[in-house]
Amino acid sequence: MSTQTPVSPQKTPKTGTVAQSHSFVAELLRRARGRYLSPLASLALFVVMFTAIVLRYDFASPTQVFLNLLVDNAHLIVLAVGMTFVILTGGIDLSVGSVVALSTVIVATALQDGWPAPLAVGAVLVVGPLLGLLMGLVIEYFDVQPFIVTLAGMFLARGLCYVISVDTLPIKDPLLRRFGLNYVYLYEDKFIRWTVVIALAVVVIVAYILHQTRFGRTVYAVGGNRQSAQLMGLNASRARVSVYAISGFCAALAGLLLAVQKLSGYSLNGIGMELDAIAAAVIGGVLLSGGVGFVFGSLIGVLVLGTIQTFVTAENLDSYWTRIMTGVLLLVFVLVQRLVVRKPG
């Protein structure tokens, strides 16, 4: 009579649990190696750079130095947020710097002509999205490359600035001056400005839209694979047009923030700012081919660029060093994306 050795019932569950744990860890590592690597690298770079600068120059209040980064770059944060939308679909928007300048000129001119501040601000917030909408329609329905269309939009917006005024136009409206000059005290003597409050609110709202709404998921899907998005029943055409209108709105809002920060409008504002917005998005981990990236990564990218500017100012270097260092960082992060980042499967 043969006997069989009973199999312990505890071995299979343990093996399964261990396998599941390994699978979970592998998935986390895969994601960290993919879409999260570039923003995490950007965050680590910012922390290292900011810490090194604080230790080197022994600032009296490192916290206020960080807050000043937000104050000085509030308009660029909003601009980078709009650029993130466009790049996520695989596009580009070269017109935003000129739209920033056009917004400052429009609001300053309207105020000088006696318009009420709310009406002048409203006019700016209509012109920007309208220009973006027109470019998006041309890109989508005439199948023209975004680079060409937005380049034309850049020339158009800059030319309109010169048509309206070539001089610096001061903003004397009491409401906008209070908005631009008043501090928002956080605790003790630490402060920001209202422009920062608006910029951070835009970041939070856009993060919610991108990650918690059907439109946001459509934007990611279109950037990842447009044909697959259409097969899933998503309206790729509407999403692609909408992101350019959103970028135009963000550019107009960024122009308003810059105008109240400088309390003036000038046709030469925003020259090269579209490149700063693209650089901030890419350094923050937004993949240029589309479908991968986070709006908070773009925020980190802006902080990295602001830290570079702080270093150049503290070292009393010529301003071109800011461009040199930004170019080197941009190239490094593009190489990181090329070699390591993979689109999620």
C-alpha atoms as a PDB file:
ATOM      1  CA  MET A   1       0.000   0.000   0.000  1.00  0.00           C
ATOM      2  CA  SER A   2       1.626   3.218  -1.167  1.00  0.00           C
ATOM      3  CA  THR A   3       1.576   6.415   0.748  1.00  0.00           C
ATOM      4  CA  GLN A   4       1.707   9.941  -0.678  1.00  0.00           C
ATOM      5  CA  THR A   5       3.414  12.791   1.026  1.00  0.00           C
ATOM      6  CA  PRO A   6       0.831  15.516   1.550  1.00  0.00           C
ATOM      7  CA  VAL A   7       1.607  18.848  -0.032  1.00  0.00           C
ATOM      8  CA  SER A   8       1.641  21.698   2.424  1.00  0.00           C
ATOM      9  CA  PRO A   9      -1.229  24.085   1.551  1.00  0.00           C
ATOM     10  CA  GLN A  10       0.836  27.053   2.693  1.00  0.00           C
ATOM     11  CA  LYS A  11       3.530  26.866  -0.019  1.00  0.00           C
ATOM     12  CA  THR A  12       1.382  27.871  -2.980  1.00  0.00           C
ATOM     13  CA  PRO A  13      -0.090  31.005  -1.366  1.00  0.00           C
ATOM     14  CA  LYS A  14       3.363  32.106  -0.237  1.00  0.00           C
ATOM     15  CA  THR A  15       4.776  31.587  -3.700  1.00  0.00           C
ATOM     16  CA  GLY A  16       1.883  33.499  -5.201  1.00  0.00           C
ATOM     17  CA  THR A  17       2.288  36.340  -2.716  1.00  0.00           C
ATOM     18  CA  VAL A  18       6.002  36.609  -3.416  1.00  0.00           C
ATOM     19  CA  ALA A  19       5.368  36.574  -7.161  1.00  0.00           C
ATOM     20  CA  GLN A  20       2.768  39.300  -6.828  1.00  0.00           C
ATOM     21  CA  SER A  21       5.152  41.387  -4.721  1.00  0.00           C
ATOM     22  CA  HIS A  22       7.914  41.010  -7.300  1.00  0.00           C
ATOM     23  CA  SER A  23       5.462  41.905 -10.060  1.00  0.00           C
ATOM     24  CA  PHE A  24       4.316  44.989  -8.167  1.00  0.00           C
ATOM     25  CA  VAL A  25       7.906  46.126  -7.531  1.00  0.00           C
ATOM     26  CA  ALA A  26       8.816  45.471 -11.176  1.00  0.00           C
ATOM     27  CA  GLU A  27       5.853  47.566 -12.296  1.00  0.00           C
ATOM     28  CA  LEU A  28       6.889  50.435 -10.027  1.00  0.00           C
ATOM     29  CA  LEU A  29      10.451  50.270 -11.352  1.00  0.00           C
ATOM     30  CA  ARG A  30       9.181  50.174 -14.929  1.00  0.00           C
ATOM     31  CA  ARG A  31       7.049  53.260 -14.360  1.00  0.00           C
ATOM     32  CA  ALA A  32       9.848  55.067 -12.511  1.00  0.00           C
ATOM     33  CA  ARG A  33      12.170  54.233 -15.387  1.00  0.00           C
ATOM     34  CA  GLY A  34       9.617  55.512 -17.874  1.00  0.00           C
ATOM     35  CA  ARG A  35       7.308  58.437 -17.470  1.00  0.00           C
ATOM     36  CA  TYR A  36       8.393  59.407 -13.929  1.00  0.00           C
ATOM     37  CA  LEU A  37      12.153  59.350 -14.415  1.00  0.00           C
ATOM     38  CA  SER A  38      12.563  62.693 -16.153  1.00  0.00           C
ATOM     39  CA  PRO A  39      10.403  64.729 -13.716  1.00  0.00           C
ATOM     40  CA  LEU A  40      12.087  63.032 -10.761  1.00  0.00           C
ATOM     41  CA  ALA A  41      15.489  63.814 -12.252  1.00  0.00           C
ATOM     42  CA  SER A  42      14.378  67.417 -12.750  1.00  0.00           C
ATOM     43  CA  LEU A  43      13.183  67.625  -9.147  1.00  0.00           C
ATOM     44  CA  ALA A  44      16.471  66.175  -7.875  1.00  0.00           C
ATOM     45  CA  LEU A  45      18.406  68.641 -10.030  1.00  0.00           C
ATOM     46  CA  PHE A  46      16.407  71.562  -8.668  1.00  0.00           C
ATOM     47  CA  VAL A  47      16.942  70.468  -5.057  1.00  0.00           C
ATOM     48  CA  VAL A  48      20.692  70.048  -5.594  1.00  0.00           C
ATOM     49  CA  MET A  49      21.074  73.364  -7.442  1.00  0.00           C
ATOM     50  CA  PHE A  50      18.963  75.332  -4.988  1.00  0.00           C
ATOM     51  CA  THR A  51      20.722  73.820  -1.959  1.00  0.00           C
ATOM     52  CA  ALA A  52      24.155  74.527  -3.461  1.00  0.00           C
ATOM     53  CA  ILE A  53      23.247  78.156  -4.168  1.00  0.00           C
ATOM     54  CA  VAL A  54      21.809  78.692  -0.695  1.00  0.00           C
ATOM     55  CA  LEU A  55      24.924  77.213   0.930  1.00  0.00           C
ATOM     56  CA  ARG A  56      27.316  79.117  -1.325  1.00  0.00           C
ATOM     57  CA  TYR A  57      25.805  82.561  -0.861  1.00  0.00           C
ATOM     58  CA  ASP A  58      24.413  82.135   2.656  1.00  0.00           C
ATOM     59  CA  PHE A  59      21.128  83.918   1.984  1.00  0.00           C
ATOM     60  CA  ALA A  60      19.448  85.358   5.072  1.00  0.00           C
ATOM     61  CA  SER A  61      16.168  83.623   4.222  1.00  0.00           C
ATOM     62  CA  PRO A  62      16.351  80.586   1.886  1.00  0.00           C
ATOM     63  CA  THR A  63      12.575  80.264   2.123  1.00  0.00           C
ATOM     64  CA  GLN A  64      12.083  83.750   0.723  1.00  0.00           C
ATOM     65  CA  VAL A  65      14.609  82.998  -2.025  1.00  0.00           C
ATOM     66  CA  PHE A  66      12.418  80.065  -3.072  1.00  0.00           C
ATOM     67  CA  LEU A  67       9.288  82.213  -2.896  1.00  0.00           C
ATOM     68  CA  ASN A  68      11.035  84.834  -5.025  1.00  0.00           C
ATOM     69  CA  LEU A  69      11.518  82.171  -7.707  1.00  0.00           C
ATOM     70  CA  LEU A  70       7.746  81.859  -7.850  1.00  0.00           C
ATOM     71  CA  VAL A  71       7.214  85.626  -7.811  1.00  0.00           C
ATOM     72  CA  ASP A  72       9.692  86.284 -10.626  1.00  0.00           C
ATOM     73  CA  ASN A  73       8.459  83.434 -12.816  1.00  0.00           C
ATOM     74  CA  ALA A  74       4.695  83.406 -12.212  1.00  0.00           C
ATOM     75  CA  HIS A  75       3.978  84.381 -15.830  1.00  0.00           C
ATOM     76  CA  LEU A  76       6.354  81.693 -17.141  1.00  0.00           C
ATOM     77  CA  ILE A  77       4.628  79.047 -15.004  1.00  0.00           C
ATOM     78  CA  VAL A  78       1.298  79.835 -16.669  1.00  0.00           C
ATOM     79  CA  LEU A  79       2.936  79.902 -20.101  1.00  0.00           C
ATOM     80  CA  ALA A  80       4.612  76.523 -19.524  1.00  0.00           C
ATOM     81  CA  VAL A  81       1.287  75.034 -18.417  1.00  0.00           C
ATOM     82  CA  GLY A  82      -0.308  76.026 -21.722  1.00  0.00           C
ATOM     83  CA  MET A  83       2.688  74.701 -23.636  1.00  0.00           C
ATOM     84  CA  THR A  84       2.358  71.390 -21.792  1.00  0.00           C
ATOM     85  CA  PHE A  85      -1.113  70.885 -23.262  1.00  0.00           C
ATOM     86  CA  VAL A  86       0.191  71.411 -26.795  1.00  0.00           C
ATOM     87  CA  ILE A  87       3.297  69.228 -26.451  1.00  0.00           C
ATOM     88  CA  LEU A  88       1.259  66.392 -24.918  1.00  0.00           C
ATOM     89  CA  THR A  89      -0.594  66.120 -28.246  1.00  0.00           C
ATOM     90  CA  GLY A  90       2.700  66.063 -30.134  1.00  0.00           C
ATOM     91  CA  GLY A  91       2.445  69.692 -31.264  1.00  0.00           C
ATOM     92  CA  ILE A  92       4.305  72.930 -30.600  1.00  0.00           C
ATOM     93  CA  ASP A  93       3.285  76.564 -30.182  1.00  0.00           C
ATOM     94  CA  LEU A  94       5.819  79.208 -31.155  1.00  0.00           C
ATOM     95  CA  SER A  95       3.355  82.091 -30.916  1.00  0.00           C
ATOM     96  CA  VAL A  96       3.027  82.302 -27.126  1.00  0.00           C
ATOM     97  CA  GLY A  97       5.855  84.777 -26.521  1.00  0.00           C
ATOM     98  CA  SER A  98       4.374  87.205 -29.031  1.00  0.00           C
ATOM     99  CA  VAL A  99       0.889  86.710 -27.560  1.00  0.00           C
ATOM    100  CA  VAL A 100       2.338  87.637 -24.162  1.00  0.00           C
ATOM    101  CA  ALA A 101       3.653  90.891 -25.623  1.00  0.00           C
ATOM    102  CA  LEU A 102       0.385  91.544 -27.459  1.00  0.00           C
ATOM    103  CA  SER A 103      -1.547  91.038 -24.213  1.00  0.00           C
ATOM    104  CA  THR A 104       0.571  93.578 -22.339  1.00  0.00           C
ATOM    105  CA  VAL A 105       0.152  96.119 -25.147  1.00  0.00           C
ATOM    106  CA  ILE A 106      -3.612  95.576 -25.446  1.00  0.00           C
ATOM    107  CA  VAL A 107      -4.327  95.939 -21.737  1.00  0.00           C
ATOM    108  CA  ALA A 108      -2.098  99.026 -21.390  1.00  0.00           C
ATOM    109  CA  THR A 109      -3.565 100.689 -24.492  1.00  0.00           C
ATOM    110  CA  ALA A 110      -7.140  99.925 -23.460  1.00  0.00           C
ATOM    111  CA  LEU A 111      -6.571 101.415 -20.015  1.00  0.00           C
ATOM    112  CA  GLN A 112      -5.035 104.548 -21.520  1.00  0.00           C
ATOM    113  CA  ASP A 113      -8.109 104.893 -23.747  1.00  0.00           C
ATOM    114  CA  GLY A 114     -10.312 104.926 -20.659  1.00  0.00           C
ATOM    115  CA  TRP A 115     -11.581 101.340 -20.634  1.00  0.00           C
ATOM    116  CA  PRO A 116     -12.512  99.933 -17.203  1.00  0.00           C
ATOM    117  CA  ALA A 117      -9.940  97.439 -15.929  1.00  0.00           C
ATOM    118  CA  PRO A 118     -12.306  94.410 -16.063  1.00  0.00           C
ATOM    119  CA  LEU A 119     -13.196  95.178 -19.687  1.00  0.00           C
ATOM    120  CA  ALA A 120      -9.535  95.584 -20.690  1.00  0.00           C
ATOM    121  CA  VAL A 121      -8.628  92.309 -18.985  1.00  0.00           C
ATOM    122  CA  GLY A 122     -11.583  90.581 -20.626  1.00  0.00           C
ATOM    123  CA  ALA A 123     -10.496  91.792 -24.056  1.00  0.00           C
ATOM    124  CA  VAL A 124      -7.052  90.279 -23.543  1.00  0.00           C
ATOM    125  CA  LEU A 125      -8.518  86.959 -22.391  1.00  0.00           C
ATOM    126  CA  VAL A 126     -10.589  86.805 -25.581  1.00  0.00           C
ATOM    127  CA  VAL A 127      -7.870  87.718 -28.091  1.00  0.00           C
ATOM    128  CA  GLY A 128      -5.394  85.066 -26.891  1.00  0.00           C
ATOM    129  CA  PRO A 129      -7.717  82.036 -27.074  1.00  0.00           C
ATOM    130  CA  LEU A 130      -9.202  83.301 -30.356  1.00  0.00           C
ATOM    131  CA  LEU A 131      -5.782  83.408 -32.005  1.00  0.00           C
ATOM    132  CA  GLY A 132      -4.981  79.966 -30.590  1.00  0.00           C
ATOM    133  CA  LEU A 133      -8.302  78.593 -31.834  1.00  0.00           C
ATOM    134  CA  LEU A 134      -7.657  79.880 -35.360  1.00  0.00           C
ATOM    135  CA  MET A 135      -4.203  78.275 -35.414  1.00  0.00           C
ATOM    136  CA  GLY A 136      -5.616  75.005 -34.095  1.00  0.00           C
ATOM    137  CA  LEU A 137      -8.285  74.939 -36.819  1.00  0.00           C
ATOM    138  CA  VAL A 138      -5.703  75.524 -39.539  1.00  0.00           C
ATOM    139  CA  ILE A 139      -3.435  72.824 -38.111  1.00  0.00           C
ATOM    140  CA  GLU A 140      -6.202  70.249 -37.796  1.00  0.00           C
ATOM    141  CA  TYR A 141      -8.418  70.810 -40.815  1.00  0.00           C
ATOM    142  CA  PHE A 142      -5.851  72.015 -43.352  1.00  0.00           C
ATOM    143  CA  ASP A 143      -3.238  69.497 -42.186  1.00  0.00           C
ATOM    144  CA  VAL A 144      -0.447  72.067 -41.881  1.00  0.00           C
ATOM    145  CA  GLN A 145       2.513  71.451 -39.571  1.00  0.00           C
ATOM    146  CA  PRO A 146       2.113  73.151 -36.142  1.00  0.00           C
ATOM    147  CA  PHE A 147       5.597  74.628 -36.463  1.00  0.00           C
ATOM    148  CA  ILE A 148       4.643  76.579 -39.588  1.00  0.00           C
ATOM    149  CA  VAL A 149       1.215  77.698 -38.396  1.00  0.00           C
ATOM    150  CA  THR A 150       2.388  78.876 -34.977  1.00  0.00           C
ATOM    151  CA  LEU A 151       5.416  80.550 -36.556  1.00  0.00           C
ATOM    152  CA  ALA A 152       2.982  82.557 -38.675  1.00  0.00           C
ATOM    153  CA  GLY A 153       0.970  83.277 -35.531  1.00  0.00           C
ATOM    154  CA  MET A 154       4.139  84.504 -33.837  1.00  0.00           C
ATOM    155  CA  PHE A 155       4.831  86.995 -36.644  1.00  0.00           C
ATOM    156  CA  LEU A 156       1.187  88.089 -36.689  1.00  0.00           C
ATOM    157  CA  ALA A 157       0.970  88.741 -32.949  1.00  0.00           C
ATOM    158  CA  ARG A 158       4.327  90.542 -32.858  1.00  0.00           C
ATOM    159  CA  GLY A 159       3.361  92.669 -35.835  1.00  0.00           C
ATOM    160  CA  LEU A 160       0.093  93.646 -34.157  1.00  0.00           C
ATOM    161  CA  CYS A 161       2.128  94.810 -31.151  1.00  0.00           C
ATOM    162  CA  TYR A 162       4.056  97.226 -33.336  1.00  0.00           C
ATOM    163  CA  VAL A 163       0.886  98.400 -35.068  1.00  0.00           C
ATOM    164  CA  ILE A 164      -0.714  99.260 -31.717  1.00  0.00           C
ATOM    165  CA  SER A 165       2.341 100.904 -30.149  1.00  0.00           C
ATOM    166  CA  VAL A 166       6.125 100.777 -30.236  1.00  0.00           C
ATOM    167  CA  ASP A 167       6.515 102.700 -26.987  1.00  0.00           C
ATOM    168  CA  THR A 168       6.411 101.544 -23.393  1.00  0.00           C
ATOM    169  CA  LEU A 169       2.891 102.120 -22.099  1.00  0.00           C
ATOM    170  CA  PRO A 170       2.595 102.616 -18.326  1.00  0.00           C
ATOM    171  CA  ILE A 171      -0.295 101.056 -16.424  1.00  0.00           C
ATOM    172  CA  LYS A 172      -1.768 103.546 -13.961  1.00  0.00           C
ATOM    173  CA  ASP A 173      -5.045 101.829 -13.130  1.00  0.00           C
ATOM    174  CA  PRO A 174      -5.314 101.689  -9.298  1.00  0.00           C
ATOM    175  CA  LEU A 175      -6.911  98.219  -9.258  1.00  0.00           C
ATOM    176  CA  LEU A 176      -4.202  96.593 -11.351  1.00  0.00           C
ATOM    177  CA  ARG A 177      -1.457  98.468  -9.508  1.00  0.00           C
ATOM    178  CA  ARG A 178      -2.736  97.170  -6.178  1.00  0.00           C
ATOM    179  CA  PHE A 179      -2.949  93.698  -7.629  1.00  0.00           C
ATOM    180  CA  GLY A 180       0.613  93.883  -8.929  1.00  0.00           C
ATOM    181  CA  LEU A 181       2.259  95.556  -5.940  1.00  0.00           C
ATOM    182  CA  ASN A 182       0.482  94.157  -2.883  1.00  0.00           C
ATOM    183  CA  TYR A 183       2.047  91.283  -0.973  1.00  0.00           C
ATOM    184  CA  VAL A 184       0.389  88.113   0.281  1.00  0.00           C
ATOM    185  CA  TYR A 185       2.044  87.330   3.604  1.00  0.00           C
ATOM    186  CA  LEU A 186       2.288  83.625   4.405  1.00  0.00           C
ATOM    187  CA  TYR A 187       3.866  83.771   7.876  1.00  0.00           C
ATOM    188  CA  GLU A 188       6.125  86.205   9.696  1.00  0.00           C
ATOM    189  CA  ASP A 189       7.850  88.204   6.937  1.00  0.00           C
ATOM    190  CA  LYS A 190       7.581  85.588   4.167  1.00  0.00           C
ATOM    191  CA  PHE A 191       5.512  86.788   1.222  1.00  0.00           C
ATOM    192  CA  ILE A 192       4.446  86.195  -2.344  1.00  0.00           C
ATOM    193  CA  ARG A 193       2.349  88.262  -4.749  1.00  0.00           C
ATOM    194  CA  TRP A 194      -1.119  87.686  -6.103  1.00  0.00           C
ATOM    195  CA  THR A 195       0.380  86.711  -9.448  1.00  0.00           C
ATOM    196  CA  VAL A 196       1.837  83.612  -7.770  1.00  0.00           C
ATOM    197  CA  VAL A 197      -1.554  82.700  -6.303  1.00  0.00           C
ATOM    198  CA  ILE A 198      -3.095  82.792  -9.780  1.00  0.00           C
ATOM    199  CA  ALA A 199      -0.213  80.844 -11.341  1.00  0.00           C
ATOM    200  CA  LEU A 200      -0.401  78.047  -8.748  1.00  0.00           C
ATOM    201  CA  ALA A 201      -4.191  77.942  -9.066  1.00  0.00           C
ATOM    202  CA  VAL A 202      -3.771  77.428 -12.823  1.00  0.00           C
ATOM    203  CA  VAL A 203      -1.335  74.559 -12.178  1.00  0.00           C
ATOM    204  CA  VAL A 204      -3.769  72.822  -9.817  1.00  0.00           C
ATOM    205  CA  ILE A 205      -6.757  73.280 -12.137  1.00  0.00           C
ATOM    206  CA  VAL A 206      -4.861  72.020 -15.176  1.00  0.00           C
ATOM    207  CA  ALA A 207      -3.487  69.025 -13.245  1.00  0.00           C
ATOM    208  CA  TYR A 208      -7.062  68.095 -12.352  1.00  0.00           C
ATOM    209  CA  ILE A 209      -8.235  68.507 -15.952  1.00  0.00           C
ATOM    210  CA  LEU A 210      -5.420  66.393 -17.383  1.00  0.00           C
ATOM    211  CA  HIS A 211      -5.674  63.534 -14.910  1.00  0.00           C
ATOM    212  CA  GLN A 212      -9.303  63.466 -13.782  1.00  0.00           C
ATOM    213  CA  THR A 213     -11.378  64.364 -16.827  1.00  0.00           C
ATOM    214  CA  ARG A 214     -12.237  62.709 -20.130  1.00  0.00           C
ATOM    215  CA  PHE A 215     -10.733  65.641 -22.029  1.00  0.00           C
ATOM    216  CA  GLY A 216      -7.404  65.215 -20.241  1.00  0.00           C
ATOM    217  CA  ARG A 217      -7.303  61.501 -20.999  1.00  0.00           C
ATOM    218  CA  THR A 218      -8.104  62.312 -24.623  1.00  0.00           C
ATOM    219  CA  VAL A 219      -5.151  64.706 -24.780  1.00  0.00           C
ATOM    220  CA  TYR A 220      -2.796  61.982 -23.549  1.00  0.00           C
ATOM    221  CA  ALA A 221      -4.326  59.416 -25.892  1.00  0.00           C
ATOM    222  CA  VAL A 222      -3.998  61.677 -28.939  1.00  0.00           C
ATOM    223  CA  GLY A 223      -0.342  62.307 -28.134  1.00  0.00           C
ATOM    224  CA  GLY A 224       0.319  58.627 -27.542  1.00  0.00           C
ATOM    225  CA  ASN A 225      -1.381  57.244 -30.660  1.00  0.00           C
ATOM    226  CA  ARG A 226      -4.012  59.242 -32.475  1.00  0.00           C
ATOM    227  CA  GLN A 227      -5.385  56.325 -34.477  1.00  0.00           C
ATOM    228  CA  SER A 228      -5.887  54.250 -31.348  1.00  0.00           C
ATOM    229  CA  ALA A 229      -7.594  57.208 -29.657  1.00  0.00           C
ATOM    230  CA  GLN A 230     -10.019  57.525 -32.548  1.00  0.00           C
ATOM    231  CA  LEU A 231     -10.726  53.791 -32.514  1.00  0.00           C
ATOM    232  CA  MET A 232     -11.651  54.141 -28.832  1.00  0.00           C
ATOM    233  CA  GLY A 233     -14.269  56.722 -29.824  1.00  0.00           C
ATOM    234  CA  LEU A 234     -12.336  59.777 -28.594  1.00  0.00           C
ATOM    235  CA  ASN A 235     -12.721  63.080 -30.453  1.00  0.00           C
ATOM    236  CA  ALA A 236      -9.117  63.625 -31.452  1.00  0.00           C
ATOM    237  CA  SER A 237      -9.836  66.600 -33.713  1.00  0.00           C
ATOM    238  CA  ARG A 238     -11.634  68.569 -31.011  1.00  0.00           C
ATOM    239  CA  ALA A 239      -8.879  67.838 -28.478  1.00  0.00           C
ATOM    240  CA  ARG A 240      -6.143  68.921 -30.860  1.00  0.00           C
ATOM    241  CA  VAL A 241      -7.871  72.209 -31.684  1.00  0.00           C
ATOM    242  CA  SER A 242      -8.747  72.839 -28.047  1.00  0.00           C
ATOM    243  CA  VAL A 243      -5.166  72.602 -26.775  1.00  0.00           C
ATOM    244  CA  TYR A 244      -4.113  75.510 -28.996  1.00  0.00           C
ATOM    245  CA  ALA A 245      -7.013  77.606 -27.707  1.00  0.00           C
ATOM    246  CA  ILE A 246      -5.960  76.700 -24.147  1.00  0.00           C
ATOM    247  CA  SER A 247      -2.361  77.619 -24.940  1.00  0.00           C
ATOM    248  CA  GLY A 248      -3.569  80.971 -26.292  1.00  0.00           C
ATOM    249  CA  PHE A 249      -5.566  81.578 -23.117  1.00  0.00           C
ATOM    250  CA  CYS A 250      -2.557  80.744 -20.928  1.00  0.00           C
ATOM    251  CA  ALA A 251      -0.359  83.050 -23.029  1.00  0.00           C
ATOM    252  CA  ALA A 252      -2.884  85.883 -22.639  1.00  0.00           C
ATOM    253  CA  LEU A 253      -3.082  85.292 -18.889  1.00  0.00           C
ATOM    254  CA  ALA A 254       0.706  85.167 -18.669  1.00  0.00           C
ATOM    255  CA  GLY A 255       0.809  88.514 -20.488  1.00  0.00           C
ATOM    256  CA  LEU A 256      -1.568  90.004 -17.936  1.00  0.00           C
ATOM    257  CA  LEU A 257       0.566  88.722 -15.066  1.00  0.00           C
ATOM    258  CA  LEU A 258       3.685  90.168 -16.688  1.00  0.00           C
ATOM    259  CA  ALA A 259       1.917  93.490 -17.300  1.00  0.00           C
ATOM    260  CA  VAL A 260       0.859  93.890 -13.672  1.00  0.00           C
ATOM    261  CA  GLN A 261       4.302  92.781 -12.531  1.00  0.00           C
ATOM    262  CA  LYS A 262       6.028  95.416 -14.667  1.00  0.00           C
ATOM    263  CA  LEU A 263       3.066  97.838 -14.584  1.00  0.00           C
ATOM    264  CA  SER A 264       3.552  98.496 -18.274  1.00  0.00           C
ATOM    265  CA  GLY A 265       2.962  97.135 -21.734  1.00  0.00           C
ATOM    266  CA  TYR A 266       5.723  96.897 -24.326  1.00  0.00           C
ATOM    267  CA  SER A 267       5.840  95.429 -27.823  1.00  0.00           C
ATOM    268  CA  LEU A 268       9.264  93.837 -27.174  1.00  0.00           C
ATOM    269  CA  ASN A 269       8.089  91.846 -24.155  1.00  0.00           C
ATOM    270  CA  GLY A 270       8.266  88.067 -24.384  1.00  0.00           C
ATOM    271  CA  ILE A 271      11.019  87.765 -26.990  1.00  0.00           C
ATOM    272  CA  GLY A 272      12.297  84.185 -26.721  1.00  0.00           C
ATOM    273  CA  MET A 273       9.770  83.367 -23.992  1.00  0.00           C
ATOM    274  CA  GLU A 274       8.222  80.612 -26.088  1.00  0.00           C
ATOM    275  CA  LEU A 275      11.586  78.855 -26.013  1.00  0.00           C
ATOM    276  CA  ASP A 276      11.737  79.209 -22.229  1.00  0.00           C
ATOM    277  CA  ALA A 277       8.289  77.629 -21.971  1.00  0.00           C
ATOM    278  CA  ILE A 278       9.312  74.728 -24.210  1.00  0.00           C
ATOM    279  CA  ALA A 279      12.547  74.270 -22.267  1.00  0.00           C
ATOM    280  CA  ALA A 280      10.708  74.259 -18.941  1.00  0.00           C
ATOM    281  CA  ALA A 281       8.253  71.628 -20.177  1.00  0.00           C
ATOM    282  CA  VAL A 282      10.982  69.390 -21.599  1.00  0.00           C
ATOM    283  CA  ILE A 283      13.213  69.710 -18.530  1.00  0.00           C
ATOM    284  CA  GLY A 284      10.148  68.862 -16.456  1.00  0.00           C
ATOM    285  CA  GLY A 285       9.693  65.577 -18.308  1.00  0.00           C
ATOM    286  CA  VAL A 286       7.157  66.346 -21.057  1.00  0.00           C
ATOM    287  CA  LEU A 287       8.040  64.161 -24.023  1.00  0.00           C
ATOM    288  CA  LEU A 288       8.309  66.144 -27.267  1.00  0.00           C
ATOM    289  CA  SER A 289       6.734  63.335 -29.273  1.00  0.00           C
ATOM    290  CA  GLY A 290       3.625  63.600 -27.095  1.00  0.00           C
ATOM    291  CA  GLY A 291       1.637  61.432 -24.724  1.00  0.00           C
ATOM    292  CA  VAL A 292       3.944  61.605 -21.691  1.00  0.00           C
ATOM    293  CA  GLY A 293       4.377  64.371 -19.130  1.00  0.00           C
ATOM    294  CA  PHE A 294       2.963  66.115 -16.087  1.00  0.00           C
ATOM    295  CA  VAL A 295       2.024  69.719 -15.485  1.00  0.00           C
ATOM    296  CA  PHE A 296       3.825  69.629 -12.130  1.00  0.00           C
ATOM    297  CA  GLY A 297       6.935  68.610 -14.052  1.00  0.00           C
ATOM    298  CA  SER A 298       6.652  71.801 -16.088  1.00  0.00           C
ATOM    299  CA  LEU A 299       6.417  73.747 -12.823  1.00  0.00           C
ATOM    300  CA  ILE A 300       9.651  72.111 -11.670  1.00  0.00           C
ATOM    301  CA  GLY A 301      11.228  72.967 -15.023  1.00  0.00           C
ATOM    302  CA  VAL A 302      10.378  76.637 -14.498  1.00  0.00           C
ATOM    303  CA  LEU A 303      11.938  76.512 -11.030  1.00  0.00           C
ATOM    304  CA  VAL A 304      15.108  75.003 -12.510  1.00  0.00           C
ATOM    305  CA  LEU A 305      15.334  77.850 -15.033  1.00  0.00           C
ATOM    306  CA  GLY A 306      14.678  80.377 -12.268  1.00  0.00           C
ATOM    307  CA  THR A 307      17.440  78.848 -10.157  1.00  0.00           C
ATOM    308  CA  ILE A 308      19.859  79.186 -13.057  1.00  0.00           C
ATOM    309  CA  GLN A 309      18.937  82.861 -13.337  1.00  0.00           C
ATOM    310  CA  THR A 310      19.448  83.304  -9.579  1.00  0.00           C
ATOM    311  CA  PHE A 311      22.920  81.763  -9.836  1.00  0.00           C
ATOM    312  CA  VAL A 312      23.882  83.959 -12.793  1.00  0.00           C
ATOM    313  CA  THR A 313      22.688  87.070 -10.950  1.00  0.00           C
ATOM    314  CA  ALA A 314      24.430  86.124  -7.689  1.00  0.00           C
ATOM    315  CA  GLU A 315      27.692  85.429  -9.542  1.00  0.00           C
ATOM    316  CA  ASN A 316      27.335  88.741 -11.414  1.00  0.00           C
ATOM    317  CA  LEU A 317      27.783  86.939 -14.736  1.00  0.00           C
ATOM    318  CA  ASP A 318      26.660  88.202 -18.117  1.00  0.00           C
ATOM    319  CA  SER A 319      23.085  87.295 -18.982  1.00  0.00           C
ATOM    320  CA  TYR A 320      24.098  85.079 -21.889  1.00  0.00           C
ATOM    321  CA  TRP A 321      25.308  82.491 -19.372  1.00  0.00           C
ATOM    322  CA  THR A 322      21.665  81.859 -18.538  1.00  0.00           C
ATOM    323  CA  ARG A 323      21.051  80.809 -22.141  1.00  0.00           C
ATOM    324  CA  ILE A 324      24.190  78.681 -22.246  1.00  0.00           C
ATOM    325  CA  MET A 325      23.299  76.763 -19.091  1.00  0.00           C
ATOM    326  CA  THR A 326      19.683  76.397 -20.176  1.00  0.00           C
ATOM    327  CA  GLY A 327      20.797  75.000 -23.532  1.00  0.00           C
ATOM    328  CA  VAL A 328      23.094  72.460 -21.896  1.00  0.00           C
ATOM    329  CA  LEU A 329      20.369  71.310 -19.490  1.00  0.00           C
ATOM    330  CA  LEU A 330      17.824  71.074 -22.294  1.00  0.00           C
ATOM    331  CA  LEU A 331      20.145  68.899 -24.359  1.00  0.00           C
ATOM    332  CA  VAL A 332      20.839  66.647 -21.374  1.00  0.00           C
ATOM    333  CA  PHE A 333      17.150  66.107 -20.662  1.00  0.00           C
ATOM    334  CA  VAL A 334      16.335  65.448 -24.311  1.00  0.00           C
ATOM    335  CA  LEU A 335      19.062  62.778 -24.320  1.00  0.00           C
ATOM    336  CA  VAL A 336      17.635  61.306 -21.119  1.00  0.00           C
ATOM    337  CA  GLN A 337      14.224  61.088 -22.739  1.00  0.00           C
ATOM    338  CA  ARG A 338      15.697  59.546 -25.860  1.00  0.00           C
ATOM    339  CA  LEU A 339      17.737  56.907 -24.067  1.00  0.00           C
ATOM    340  CA  VAL A 340      15.594  56.021 -21.076  1.00  0.00           C
ATOM    341  CA  VAL A 341      12.001  57.267 -21.240  1.00  0.00           C
ATOM    342  CA  ARG A 342       9.563  54.883 -22.816  1.00  0.00           C
ATOM    343  CA  LYS A 343       5.918  55.429 -23.581  1.00  0.00           C
ATOM    344  CA  PRO A 344       3.704  53.304 -21.389  1.00  0.00           C
ATOM    345  CA  GLY A 345       2.491  50.164 -23.110  1.00  0.00           C
END
